[in-house]
């Protein structure tokens, strides 16, 4: 049985309309405060860390001894409940998919649960694989992809990754998984592309 690994932010809701933009702002603020940087320099430092470690958190842990749990609690303290509402259409579409659905997100477990609860799709997913279970090594690094394969004792070809970031889908394909890019204009050779999550049933056989 195939397993569909589904991203959360900018994937389960239209890009730029949900809480991720607020999370990103809080990460900027965290870096500014922690490293005593201007906004411009904080954004530059984040870009550097993301390129090297896959995430801002990775660089902060490596170079500034930041506690990942405290960081995640801080940056995910955003008004999710004010920004998302139940999505009956999404719920229906996801419920009609016959394969196992698993969340595959760089966000924290608590934050992901809040997003799913607000969208009223918590019970649609069979499992949640968040940054804590990735040992704080995020997508698009290969580590979490291999770890989830080991966890489920499944082959790469048994997984389909659904994500808004082409980099995350690219790694999935590099390790032998199939990939679906949501809502992007970037075309990755070999990957399928859909305009939004509502079209997922059109490309999953």
N, C-alpha and C. Protein backbone atom coordinates (compact mmCIF):
# COMPACT_ATOMS: atom_id res chain seq x y z
N UNK A 1 0.83 -1.19 0.00
CA UNK A 1 0.00 0.00 0.00
C UNK A 1 0.88 1.25 0.00
N UNK A 2 0.63 2.15 -0.93
CA UNK A 2 1.43 3.37 -1.01
C UNK A 2 1.11 4.32 0.16
N UNK A 3 2.11 5.11 0.51
CA UNK A 3 1.95 6.12 1.55
C UNK A 3 2.19 7.48 0.94
N UNK A 4 1.24 8.39 1.15
CA UNK A 4 1.34 9.75 0.64
C UNK A 4 1.86 10.63 1.77
N UNK A 5 3.04 11.24 1.57
CA UNK A 5 3.63 12.13 2.57
C UNK A 5 3.27 13.56 2.20
N UNK A 6 2.49 14.21 3.05
CA UNK A 6 1.91 15.51 2.72
C UNK A 6 2.49 16.61 3.60
N UNK A 7 3.00 17.64 2.96
CA UNK A 7 3.47 18.83 3.67
C UNK A 7 2.27 19.60 4.23
N UNK A 8 2.52 20.57 5.10
CA UNK A 8 1.43 21.33 5.72
C UNK A 8 1.37 22.76 5.21
N UNK A 9 2.34 23.58 5.61
CA UNK A 9 2.29 25.00 5.28
C UNK A 9 2.41 25.26 3.79
N UNK A 10 1.51 26.09 3.27
CA UNK A 10 1.46 26.46 1.86
C UNK A 10 1.18 25.27 0.95
N UNK A 11 0.77 24.16 1.56
CA UNK A 11 0.38 22.97 0.79
C UNK A 11 -1.08 22.63 1.06
N UNK A 12 -1.44 22.55 2.33
CA UNK A 12 -2.82 22.23 2.70
C UNK A 12 -3.73 23.45 2.63
N UNK A 13 -3.14 24.62 2.47
CA UNK A 13 -3.91 25.84 2.23
C UNK A 13 -3.15 26.65 1.17
N UNK A 14 -3.82 27.55 0.47
CA UNK A 14 -3.16 28.30 -0.61
C UNK A 14 -1.93 29.07 -0.12
N UNK A 15 -0.89 29.04 -0.91
CA UNK A 15 0.38 29.68 -0.55
C UNK A 15 0.17 31.14 -0.16
N UNK A 16 0.73 31.52 0.97
CA UNK A 16 0.69 32.91 1.42
C UNK A 16 -0.56 33.32 2.15
N UNK A 17 -1.52 32.42 2.30
CA UNK A 17 -2.79 32.80 2.93
C UNK A 17 -2.91 32.34 4.37
N UNK A 18 -2.02 31.49 4.83
CA UNK A 18 -2.15 30.91 6.15
C UNK A 18 -1.09 31.39 7.13
N UNK A 19 -0.91 30.66 8.20
CA UNK A 19 -0.04 31.11 9.30
C UNK A 19 1.46 31.06 9.03
N UNK A 20 1.89 30.42 7.95
CA UNK A 20 3.34 30.29 7.75
C UNK A 20 4.02 31.64 7.60
N UNK A 21 3.36 32.59 6.98
CA UNK A 21 3.98 33.92 6.82
C UNK A 21 4.23 34.56 8.18
N UNK A 22 3.34 34.28 9.15
CA UNK A 22 3.54 34.80 10.50
C UNK A 22 4.66 34.06 11.21
N UNK A 23 4.77 32.76 10.96
CA UNK A 23 5.88 31.97 11.52
C UNK A 23 7.21 32.52 11.01
N UNK A 24 7.27 32.79 9.71
CA UNK A 24 8.50 33.31 9.12
C UNK A 24 8.89 34.65 9.74
N UNK A 25 7.90 35.51 9.99
CA UNK A 25 8.17 36.80 10.65
C UNK A 25 8.74 36.58 12.05
N UNK A 26 8.19 35.62 12.76
CA UNK A 26 8.66 35.35 14.11
C UNK A 26 10.08 34.77 14.09
N UNK A 27 10.41 34.01 13.07
CA UNK A 27 11.78 33.51 12.95
C UNK A 27 12.74 34.68 12.72
N UNK A 28 12.34 35.61 11.86
CA UNK A 28 13.16 36.81 11.66
C UNK A 28 13.40 37.52 12.99
N UNK A 29 12.32 37.70 13.74
CA UNK A 29 12.41 38.40 15.02
C UNK A 29 13.29 37.64 16.02
N UNK A 30 13.18 36.33 16.00
CA UNK A 30 13.98 35.51 16.90
C UNK A 30 15.47 35.67 16.58
N UNK A 31 15.81 35.60 15.30
CA UNK A 31 17.21 35.73 14.89
C UNK A 31 17.73 37.13 15.20
N UNK A 32 16.91 38.14 14.97
CA UNK A 32 17.30 39.52 15.28
C UNK A 32 17.63 39.67 16.76
N UNK A 33 16.75 39.10 17.60
CA UNK A 33 16.93 39.23 19.05
C UNK A 33 18.09 38.38 19.55
N UNK A 34 18.14 37.14 19.11
CA UNK A 34 19.16 36.20 19.60
C UNK A 34 20.56 36.61 19.18
N UNK A 35 20.71 37.08 17.94
CA UNK A 35 22.04 37.38 17.40
C UNK A 35 22.33 38.88 17.33
N UNK A 36 21.37 39.68 17.80
CA UNK A 36 21.53 41.13 17.80
C UNK A 36 21.83 41.65 16.40
N UNK A 37 20.92 41.33 15.48
CA UNK A 37 21.10 41.71 14.07
C UNK A 37 19.94 42.59 13.61
N UNK A 38 20.18 43.36 12.57
CA UNK A 38 19.11 44.10 11.92
C UNK A 38 18.24 43.11 11.15
N UNK A 39 17.07 43.57 10.71
CA UNK A 39 16.20 42.69 9.92
C UNK A 39 16.89 42.23 8.66
N UNK A 40 17.57 43.15 7.98
CA UNK A 40 18.27 42.80 6.75
C UNK A 40 19.34 41.73 7.00
N UNK A 41 20.11 41.90 8.06
CA UNK A 41 21.17 40.94 8.37
C UNK A 41 20.60 39.62 8.87
N UNK A 42 19.48 39.69 9.58
CA UNK A 42 18.83 38.46 10.05
C UNK A 42 18.34 37.62 8.87
N UNK A 43 17.75 38.29 7.88
CA UNK A 43 17.28 37.57 6.69
C UNK A 43 18.46 36.96 5.92
N UNK A 44 19.57 37.70 5.86
CA UNK A 44 20.76 37.17 5.18
C UNK A 44 21.32 35.97 5.92
N UNK A 45 21.32 36.04 7.26
CA UNK A 45 21.82 34.91 8.05
C UNK A 45 20.91 33.70 7.89
N UNK A 46 19.62 33.92 7.87
CA UNK A 46 18.67 32.83 7.66
C UNK A 46 18.90 32.17 6.31
N UNK A 47 19.09 32.97 5.28
CA UNK A 47 19.32 32.44 3.94
C UNK A 47 20.57 31.56 3.92
N UNK A 48 21.61 32.01 4.60
CA UNK A 48 22.86 31.26 4.68
C UNK A 48 22.65 29.93 5.40
N UNK A 49 21.94 29.97 6.53
CA UNK A 49 21.72 28.75 7.30
C UNK A 49 20.81 27.77 6.57
N UNK A 50 19.79 28.29 5.90
CA UNK A 50 18.89 27.42 5.15
C UNK A 50 19.63 26.71 4.03
N UNK A 51 20.50 27.44 3.35
CA UNK A 51 21.28 26.84 2.25
C UNK A 51 22.21 25.74 2.76
N UNK A 52 22.78 25.95 3.94
CA UNK A 52 23.78 24.99 4.45
C UNK A 52 23.16 23.86 5.26
N UNK A 53 22.16 24.19 6.09
CA UNK A 53 21.63 23.21 7.04
C UNK A 53 20.18 22.80 6.75
N UNK A 54 19.56 23.44 5.77
CA UNK A 54 18.18 23.09 5.46
C UNK A 54 17.15 23.93 6.19
N UNK A 55 17.58 24.62 7.26
CA UNK A 55 16.66 25.45 8.03
C UNK A 55 17.43 26.47 8.85
N UNK A 56 16.73 27.51 9.27
CA UNK A 56 17.31 28.49 10.19
C UNK A 56 17.69 27.80 11.49
N UNK A 57 16.80 26.95 11.97
CA UNK A 57 17.04 26.24 13.22
C UNK A 57 18.34 25.45 13.19
N UNK A 58 18.61 24.80 12.07
CA UNK A 58 19.83 24.01 11.97
C UNK A 58 21.07 24.84 12.23
N UNK A 59 21.12 26.04 11.66
CA UNK A 59 22.26 26.92 11.89
C UNK A 59 22.32 27.44 13.31
N UNK A 60 21.16 27.76 13.87
CA UNK A 60 21.11 28.26 15.25
C UNK A 60 21.55 27.20 16.25
N UNK A 61 21.18 25.96 15.99
CA UNK A 61 21.61 24.87 16.87
C UNK A 61 23.12 24.66 16.75
N UNK A 62 23.61 24.70 15.53
CA UNK A 62 25.02 24.40 15.27
C UNK A 62 25.96 25.49 15.79
N UNK A 63 25.57 26.75 15.61
CA UNK A 63 26.49 27.84 15.90
C UNK A 63 26.16 28.66 17.15
N UNK A 64 24.92 28.51 17.65
CA UNK A 64 24.51 29.36 18.76
C UNK A 64 23.86 28.59 19.91
N UNK A 65 23.96 27.27 19.89
CA UNK A 65 23.46 26.40 20.97
C UNK A 65 22.01 26.67 21.33
N UNK A 66 21.20 26.95 20.31
CA UNK A 66 19.78 27.21 20.54
C UNK A 66 19.05 25.90 20.85
N UNK A 67 18.20 25.93 21.86
CA UNK A 67 17.37 24.78 22.22
C UNK A 67 16.26 24.66 21.18
N UNK A 68 16.21 23.58 20.43
CA UNK A 68 15.22 23.48 19.34
C UNK A 68 13.78 23.52 19.82
N UNK A 69 13.50 22.92 20.97
CA UNK A 69 12.12 22.90 21.46
C UNK A 69 11.66 24.30 21.85
N UNK A 70 12.53 25.06 22.49
CA UNK A 70 12.19 26.43 22.87
C UNK A 70 12.00 27.29 21.63
N UNK A 71 12.88 27.10 20.63
CA UNK A 71 12.77 27.84 19.37
C UNK A 71 11.44 27.56 18.70
N UNK A 72 11.08 26.29 18.58
CA UNK A 72 9.85 25.91 17.89
C UNK A 72 8.63 26.45 18.61
N UNK A 73 8.64 26.41 19.93
CA UNK A 73 7.52 26.94 20.70
C UNK A 73 7.36 28.44 20.46
N UNK A 74 8.48 29.14 20.40
CA UNK A 74 8.45 30.59 20.20
C UNK A 74 7.95 30.95 18.81
N UNK A 75 8.56 30.40 17.78
CA UNK A 75 8.23 30.85 16.42
C UNK A 75 6.87 30.36 15.94
N UNK A 76 6.35 29.31 16.56
CA UNK A 76 5.03 28.80 16.16
C UNK A 76 3.91 29.38 17.00
N UNK A 77 4.23 30.34 17.84
CA UNK A 77 3.22 31.01 18.66
C UNK A 77 2.53 32.08 17.82
N UNK A 78 1.73 31.63 16.89
CA UNK A 78 1.03 32.51 15.96
C UNK A 78 -0.47 32.18 15.99
N UNK A 79 -1.33 33.13 15.58
CA UNK A 79 -2.79 32.94 15.68
C UNK A 79 -3.37 32.05 14.59
N UNK A 80 -3.00 30.79 14.62
CA UNK A 80 -3.48 29.82 13.62
C UNK A 80 -5.01 29.83 13.55
N UNK A 81 -5.64 29.87 14.73
CA UNK A 81 -7.10 29.76 14.81
C UNK A 81 -7.81 30.95 14.17
N UNK A 82 -7.11 32.08 14.03
CA UNK A 82 -7.71 33.26 13.40
C UNK A 82 -7.51 33.27 11.89
N UNK A 83 -6.64 32.40 11.41
CA UNK A 83 -6.26 32.45 10.00
C UNK A 83 -6.79 31.29 9.17
N UNK A 84 -7.21 30.22 9.82
CA UNK A 84 -7.70 29.05 9.10
C UNK A 84 -9.08 28.65 9.61
N UNK A 85 -9.85 28.04 8.75
CA UNK A 85 -11.18 27.58 9.13
C UNK A 85 -11.42 26.19 8.51
N UNK A 86 -12.43 25.47 8.99
CA UNK A 86 -12.71 24.14 8.43
C UNK A 86 -12.88 24.18 6.92
N UNK A 87 -12.27 23.20 6.26
CA UNK A 87 -12.31 23.12 4.80
C UNK A 87 -12.98 21.81 4.41
N UNK A 88 -14.29 21.89 4.23
CA UNK A 88 -15.07 20.68 3.93
C UNK A 88 -14.67 20.07 2.59
N UNK A 89 -14.35 20.92 1.63
CA UNK A 89 -13.95 20.42 0.31
C UNK A 89 -12.66 19.63 0.40
N UNK A 90 -11.68 20.15 1.13
CA UNK A 90 -10.41 19.45 1.30
C UNK A 90 -10.61 18.15 2.04
N UNK A 91 -11.42 18.19 3.07
CA UNK A 91 -11.69 16.98 3.85
C UNK A 91 -12.27 15.87 2.98
N UNK A 92 -13.22 16.23 2.13
CA UNK A 92 -13.86 15.25 1.25
C UNK A 92 -12.85 14.65 0.27
N UNK A 93 -12.02 15.51 -0.33
CA UNK A 93 -11.04 15.05 -1.31
C UNK A 93 -10.02 14.11 -0.67
N UNK A 94 -9.51 14.49 0.48
CA UNK A 94 -8.51 13.65 1.16
C UNK A 94 -9.11 12.32 1.61
N UNK A 95 -10.36 12.36 2.07
CA UNK A 95 -11.01 11.13 2.53
C UNK A 95 -11.22 10.14 1.40
N UNK A 96 -11.27 10.63 0.17
CA UNK A 96 -11.51 9.75 -0.97
C UNK A 96 -10.24 9.07 -1.47
N UNK A 97 -9.07 9.49 -0.95
CA UNK A 97 -7.81 8.86 -1.35
C UNK A 97 -7.67 7.53 -0.60
N UNK A 98 -7.41 6.47 -1.32
CA UNK A 98 -7.41 5.14 -0.71
C UNK A 98 -6.08 4.79 -0.04
N UNK A 99 -5.03 5.56 -0.30
CA UNK A 99 -3.72 5.26 0.28
C UNK A 99 -3.57 5.88 1.66
N UNK A 100 -2.57 5.43 2.39
CA UNK A 100 -2.27 5.98 3.70
C UNK A 100 -1.76 7.41 3.56
N UNK A 101 -2.30 8.32 4.36
CA UNK A 101 -1.89 9.72 4.35
C UNK A 101 -1.11 10.04 5.62
N UNK A 102 0.09 10.58 5.44
CA UNK A 102 0.95 10.91 6.57
C UNK A 102 1.47 12.33 6.41
N UNK A 103 1.37 13.11 7.46
CA UNK A 103 1.94 14.46 7.45
C UNK A 103 3.46 14.35 7.47
N UNK A 104 4.12 15.17 6.64
CA UNK A 104 5.58 15.17 6.53
C UNK A 104 6.00 16.64 6.53
N UNK A 105 6.27 17.18 7.73
CA UNK A 105 6.41 18.62 7.88
C UNK A 105 7.62 19.01 8.71
N UNK A 106 8.25 20.14 8.32
CA UNK A 106 9.35 20.69 9.10
C UNK A 106 8.87 21.48 10.32
N UNK A 107 7.57 21.60 10.48
CA UNK A 107 7.02 22.34 11.61
C UNK A 107 6.94 21.44 12.85
N UNK A 108 6.58 22.05 13.97
CA UNK A 108 6.49 21.29 15.22
C UNK A 108 5.19 20.50 15.29
N UNK A 109 5.17 19.48 16.13
CA UNK A 109 3.99 18.63 16.28
C UNK A 109 2.79 19.43 16.77
N UNK A 110 3.01 20.28 17.76
CA UNK A 110 1.90 21.06 18.31
C UNK A 110 1.31 21.99 17.26
N UNK A 111 2.16 22.66 16.51
CA UNK A 111 1.69 23.58 15.47
C UNK A 111 0.92 22.82 14.39
N UNK A 112 1.45 21.70 13.93
CA UNK A 112 0.78 20.91 12.90
C UNK A 112 -0.60 20.46 13.39
N UNK A 113 -0.68 20.02 14.62
CA UNK A 113 -1.97 19.60 15.18
C UNK A 113 -2.97 20.75 15.18
N UNK A 114 -2.50 21.94 15.46
CA UNK A 114 -3.38 23.12 15.48
C UNK A 114 -3.89 23.42 14.07
N UNK A 115 -3.00 23.34 13.08
CA UNK A 115 -3.40 23.60 11.70
C UNK A 115 -4.43 22.58 11.24
N UNK A 116 -4.16 21.31 11.48
CA UNK A 116 -5.08 20.25 11.06
C UNK A 116 -6.43 20.38 11.75
N UNK A 117 -6.39 20.74 13.03
CA UNK A 117 -7.64 20.92 13.79
C UNK A 117 -8.47 22.05 13.19
N UNK A 118 -7.82 23.16 12.87
CA UNK A 118 -8.54 24.31 12.31
C UNK A 118 -9.14 23.99 10.95
N UNK A 119 -8.43 23.20 10.16
CA UNK A 119 -8.95 22.80 8.84
C UNK A 119 -9.96 21.66 8.94
N UNK A 120 -10.09 21.09 10.14
CA UNK A 120 -10.99 19.96 10.42
C UNK A 120 -10.63 18.73 9.58
N UNK A 121 -9.32 18.42 9.56
CA UNK A 121 -8.86 17.25 8.82
C UNK A 121 -7.92 16.38 9.67
N UNK A 122 -7.92 16.59 10.97
CA UNK A 122 -7.00 15.84 11.84
C UNK A 122 -7.14 14.34 11.68
N UNK A 123 -8.39 13.86 11.61
CA UNK A 123 -8.64 12.43 11.58
C UNK A 123 -8.42 11.81 10.20
N UNK A 124 -8.16 12.64 9.20
CA UNK A 124 -7.92 12.14 7.85
C UNK A 124 -6.54 11.49 7.73
N UNK A 125 -5.59 11.96 8.56
CA UNK A 125 -4.22 11.48 8.47
C UNK A 125 -3.95 10.32 9.43
N UNK A 126 -3.19 9.35 8.93
CA UNK A 126 -2.90 8.15 9.71
C UNK A 126 -1.75 8.36 10.67
N UNK A 127 -0.87 9.33 10.36
CA UNK A 127 0.30 9.54 11.21
C UNK A 127 0.85 10.94 10.95
N UNK A 128 1.65 11.43 11.90
CA UNK A 128 2.29 12.74 11.77
C UNK A 128 3.79 12.56 11.93
N UNK A 129 4.56 13.02 10.95
CA UNK A 129 6.02 12.95 11.00
C UNK A 129 6.53 14.38 10.90
N UNK A 130 6.78 14.97 12.07
CA UNK A 130 7.15 16.38 12.15
C UNK A 130 8.63 16.52 12.49
N UNK A 131 9.08 17.76 12.64
CA UNK A 131 10.51 18.03 12.80
C UNK A 131 11.12 17.32 14.00
N UNK A 132 10.33 17.09 15.06
CA UNK A 132 10.85 16.37 16.22
C UNK A 132 11.26 14.95 15.85
N UNK A 133 10.46 14.32 14.98
CA UNK A 133 10.73 12.94 14.58
C UNK A 133 11.82 12.86 13.51
N UNK A 134 12.15 14.03 12.94
CA UNK A 134 13.26 14.11 11.99
C UNK A 134 14.58 14.38 12.72
N UNK A 135 14.53 14.36 14.05
CA UNK A 135 15.70 14.70 14.88
C UNK A 135 16.20 16.11 14.54
N UNK A 136 15.24 16.98 14.19
CA UNK A 136 15.50 18.39 13.88
C UNK A 136 16.38 18.58 12.64
N UNK A 137 16.44 17.56 11.80
CA UNK A 137 17.13 17.66 10.51
C UNK A 137 16.03 17.71 9.44
N UNK A 138 15.81 18.87 8.84
CA UNK A 138 14.62 19.08 8.02
C UNK A 138 14.75 18.66 6.56
N UNK A 139 13.60 18.57 5.91
CA UNK A 139 13.58 18.58 4.46
C UNK A 139 14.20 19.91 4.02
N UNK A 140 14.92 19.99 2.93
CA UNK A 140 15.14 18.95 1.90
C UNK A 140 16.36 18.07 2.15
N UNK A 141 16.92 18.06 3.36
CA UNK A 141 18.00 17.13 3.65
C UNK A 141 17.49 15.70 3.48
N UNK A 142 18.31 14.78 3.00
CA UNK A 142 17.84 13.41 2.75
C UNK A 142 17.47 12.64 4.03
N UNK A 143 18.05 13.03 5.16
CA UNK A 143 17.89 12.25 6.40
C UNK A 143 16.43 11.91 6.74
N UNK A 144 15.51 12.90 6.78
CA UNK A 144 14.14 12.53 7.17
C UNK A 144 13.45 11.59 6.20
N UNK A 145 13.82 11.65 4.93
CA UNK A 145 13.23 10.75 3.94
C UNK A 145 13.67 9.30 4.22
N UNK A 146 14.95 9.14 4.50
CA UNK A 146 15.45 7.79 4.81
C UNK A 146 14.90 7.30 6.15
N UNK A 147 14.75 8.23 7.10
CA UNK A 147 14.26 7.82 8.40
C UNK A 147 12.82 7.32 8.33
N UNK A 148 11.98 8.00 7.54
CA UNK A 148 10.59 7.56 7.46
C UNK A 148 10.47 6.24 6.69
N UNK A 149 11.36 6.03 5.72
CA UNK A 149 11.37 4.73 5.04
C UNK A 149 11.71 3.61 6.02
N UNK A 150 12.70 3.88 6.87
CA UNK A 150 13.10 2.89 7.87
C UNK A 150 11.98 2.67 8.89
N UNK A 151 11.33 3.75 9.30
CA UNK A 151 10.25 3.66 10.28
C UNK A 151 9.13 2.76 9.80
N UNK A 152 8.75 2.91 8.52
CA UNK A 152 7.66 2.12 7.98
C UNK A 152 8.12 0.83 7.31
N UNK A 153 9.44 0.63 7.23
CA UNK A 153 10.00 -0.55 6.59
C UNK A 153 9.44 -0.71 5.17
N UNK A 154 9.54 0.41 4.42
CA UNK A 154 9.02 0.44 3.07
C UNK A 154 10.09 0.91 2.10
N UNK A 155 9.89 0.60 0.83
CA UNK A 155 10.83 1.00 -0.22
C UNK A 155 10.51 2.41 -0.71
N UNK A 156 11.49 3.09 -1.30
CA UNK A 156 11.26 4.45 -1.81
C UNK A 156 10.06 4.54 -2.75
N UNK A 157 9.91 3.54 -3.62
CA UNK A 157 8.82 3.58 -4.59
C UNK A 157 7.44 3.47 -3.99
N UNK A 158 7.38 3.16 -2.68
CA UNK A 158 6.08 3.06 -2.01
C UNK A 158 5.58 4.41 -1.51
N UNK A 159 6.39 5.48 -1.69
CA UNK A 159 6.03 6.80 -1.17
C UNK A 159 5.81 7.81 -2.29
N UNK A 160 4.87 8.71 -2.05
CA UNK A 160 4.65 9.88 -2.90
C UNK A 160 4.71 11.10 -1.99
N UNK A 161 5.58 12.04 -2.30
CA UNK A 161 5.71 13.27 -1.51
C UNK A 161 4.94 14.39 -2.19
N UNK A 162 4.08 15.04 -1.40
CA UNK A 162 3.26 16.15 -1.89
C UNK A 162 3.70 17.40 -1.14
N UNK A 163 4.25 18.38 -1.85
CA UNK A 163 4.88 19.52 -1.19
C UNK A 163 4.85 20.74 -2.10
N UNK A 164 4.81 21.94 -1.51
CA UNK A 164 4.84 23.15 -2.32
C UNK A 164 6.24 23.57 -2.72
N UNK A 165 7.27 23.02 -2.05
CA UNK A 165 8.65 23.43 -2.35
C UNK A 165 9.32 22.42 -3.29
N UNK A 166 9.72 22.88 -4.47
CA UNK A 166 10.39 21.97 -5.41
C UNK A 166 11.63 21.30 -4.83
N UNK A 167 12.35 22.01 -3.93
CA UNK A 167 13.55 21.42 -3.32
C UNK A 167 13.21 20.15 -2.54
N UNK A 168 12.08 20.20 -1.83
CA UNK A 168 11.67 19.03 -1.04
C UNK A 168 11.25 17.87 -1.93
N UNK A 169 10.60 18.19 -3.03
CA UNK A 169 10.20 17.15 -3.97
C UNK A 169 11.42 16.60 -4.70
N UNK A 170 12.38 17.46 -4.98
CA UNK A 170 13.61 17.03 -5.66
C UNK A 170 14.35 15.98 -4.84
N UNK A 171 14.48 16.22 -3.53
CA UNK A 171 15.15 15.23 -2.67
C UNK A 171 14.37 13.93 -2.66
N UNK A 172 13.05 14.03 -2.59
CA UNK A 172 12.21 12.83 -2.60
C UNK A 172 12.51 11.98 -3.83
N UNK A 173 12.60 12.64 -4.97
CA UNK A 173 12.88 11.92 -6.21
C UNK A 173 14.30 11.38 -6.25
N UNK A 174 15.23 12.13 -5.66
CA UNK A 174 16.61 11.67 -5.61
C UNK A 174 16.75 10.36 -4.84
N UNK A 175 15.91 10.18 -3.80
CA UNK A 175 16.00 8.95 -3.00
C UNK A 175 15.09 7.86 -3.55
N UNK A 176 14.37 8.15 -4.65
CA UNK A 176 13.56 7.12 -5.30
C UNK A 176 12.07 7.21 -5.09
N UNK A 177 11.61 8.27 -4.40
CA UNK A 177 10.18 8.46 -4.20
C UNK A 177 9.59 9.21 -5.40
N UNK A 178 8.28 9.17 -5.52
CA UNK A 178 7.59 10.00 -6.50
C UNK A 178 7.30 11.36 -5.87
N UNK A 179 7.10 12.37 -6.72
CA UNK A 179 6.88 13.69 -6.19
C UNK A 179 5.78 14.46 -6.89
N UNK A 180 5.04 15.25 -6.10
CA UNK A 180 3.99 16.12 -6.62
C UNK A 180 4.21 17.52 -6.05
N UNK A 181 4.37 18.51 -6.93
CA UNK A 181 4.54 19.90 -6.49
C UNK A 181 3.18 20.59 -6.50
N UNK A 182 2.87 21.25 -5.38
CA UNK A 182 1.58 21.91 -5.23
C UNK A 182 1.71 23.42 -5.38
N UNK A 183 0.93 23.98 -6.30
CA UNK A 183 0.78 25.42 -6.39
C UNK A 183 1.98 26.20 -6.87
N UNK A 184 2.91 25.54 -7.50
CA UNK A 184 4.11 26.24 -7.94
C UNK A 184 4.19 26.37 -9.44
N UNK A 185 5.03 27.28 -9.87
CA UNK A 185 5.28 27.44 -11.31
C UNK A 185 6.58 26.76 -11.70
N UNK A 186 7.30 26.25 -10.70
CA UNK A 186 8.55 25.55 -10.96
C UNK A 186 8.27 24.15 -11.46
N UNK A 187 8.84 23.80 -12.58
CA UNK A 187 8.62 22.48 -13.14
C UNK A 187 9.88 21.64 -12.95
N UNK A 188 9.74 20.56 -12.23
CA UNK A 188 10.85 19.68 -11.92
C UNK A 188 10.73 18.45 -12.80
N UNK A 189 11.75 18.15 -13.58
CA UNK A 189 11.68 16.98 -14.46
C UNK A 189 11.32 15.71 -13.68
N UNK A 190 10.28 15.03 -14.14
CA UNK A 190 9.87 13.79 -13.49
C UNK A 190 8.82 13.96 -12.42
N UNK A 191 8.62 15.19 -11.95
CA UNK A 191 7.61 15.44 -10.91
C UNK A 191 6.29 15.85 -11.54
N UNK A 192 5.21 15.51 -10.87
CA UNK A 192 3.90 15.98 -11.30
C UNK A 192 3.66 17.34 -10.66
N UNK A 193 2.78 18.13 -11.25
CA UNK A 193 2.49 19.46 -10.72
C UNK A 193 0.98 19.69 -10.72
N UNK A 194 0.47 20.23 -9.60
CA UNK A 194 -0.95 20.54 -9.52
C UNK A 194 -1.10 21.98 -9.03
N UNK A 195 -2.17 22.66 -9.44
CA UNK A 195 -2.34 24.07 -9.07
C UNK A 195 -2.61 24.28 -7.59
N UNK A 196 -3.25 23.31 -6.96
CA UNK A 196 -3.56 23.40 -5.52
C UNK A 196 -3.85 22.00 -5.00
N UNK A 197 -3.98 21.89 -3.70
CA UNK A 197 -4.15 20.57 -3.06
C UNK A 197 -5.47 19.91 -3.49
N UNK A 198 -6.44 20.71 -3.91
CA UNK A 198 -7.72 20.14 -4.31
C UNK A 198 -7.61 19.26 -5.55
N UNK A 199 -6.52 19.41 -6.29
CA UNK A 199 -6.33 18.62 -7.51
C UNK A 199 -5.55 17.34 -7.26
N UNK A 200 -5.30 17.02 -6.02
CA UNK A 200 -4.45 15.86 -5.71
C UNK A 200 -5.04 14.55 -6.25
N UNK A 201 -6.34 14.42 -6.20
CA UNK A 201 -6.96 13.18 -6.67
C UNK A 201 -6.84 13.01 -8.18
N UNK A 202 -6.50 14.08 -8.89
CA UNK A 202 -6.33 13.99 -10.35
C UNK A 202 -5.04 13.32 -10.76
N UNK A 203 -4.07 13.31 -9.84
CA UNK A 203 -2.74 12.78 -10.19
C UNK A 203 -2.31 11.56 -9.37
N UNK A 204 -3.12 11.15 -8.41
CA UNK A 204 -2.80 9.95 -7.64
C UNK A 204 -3.69 8.82 -8.13
N UNK A 205 -3.02 7.78 -8.66
CA UNK A 205 -3.79 6.67 -9.23
C UNK A 205 -4.02 5.59 -8.18
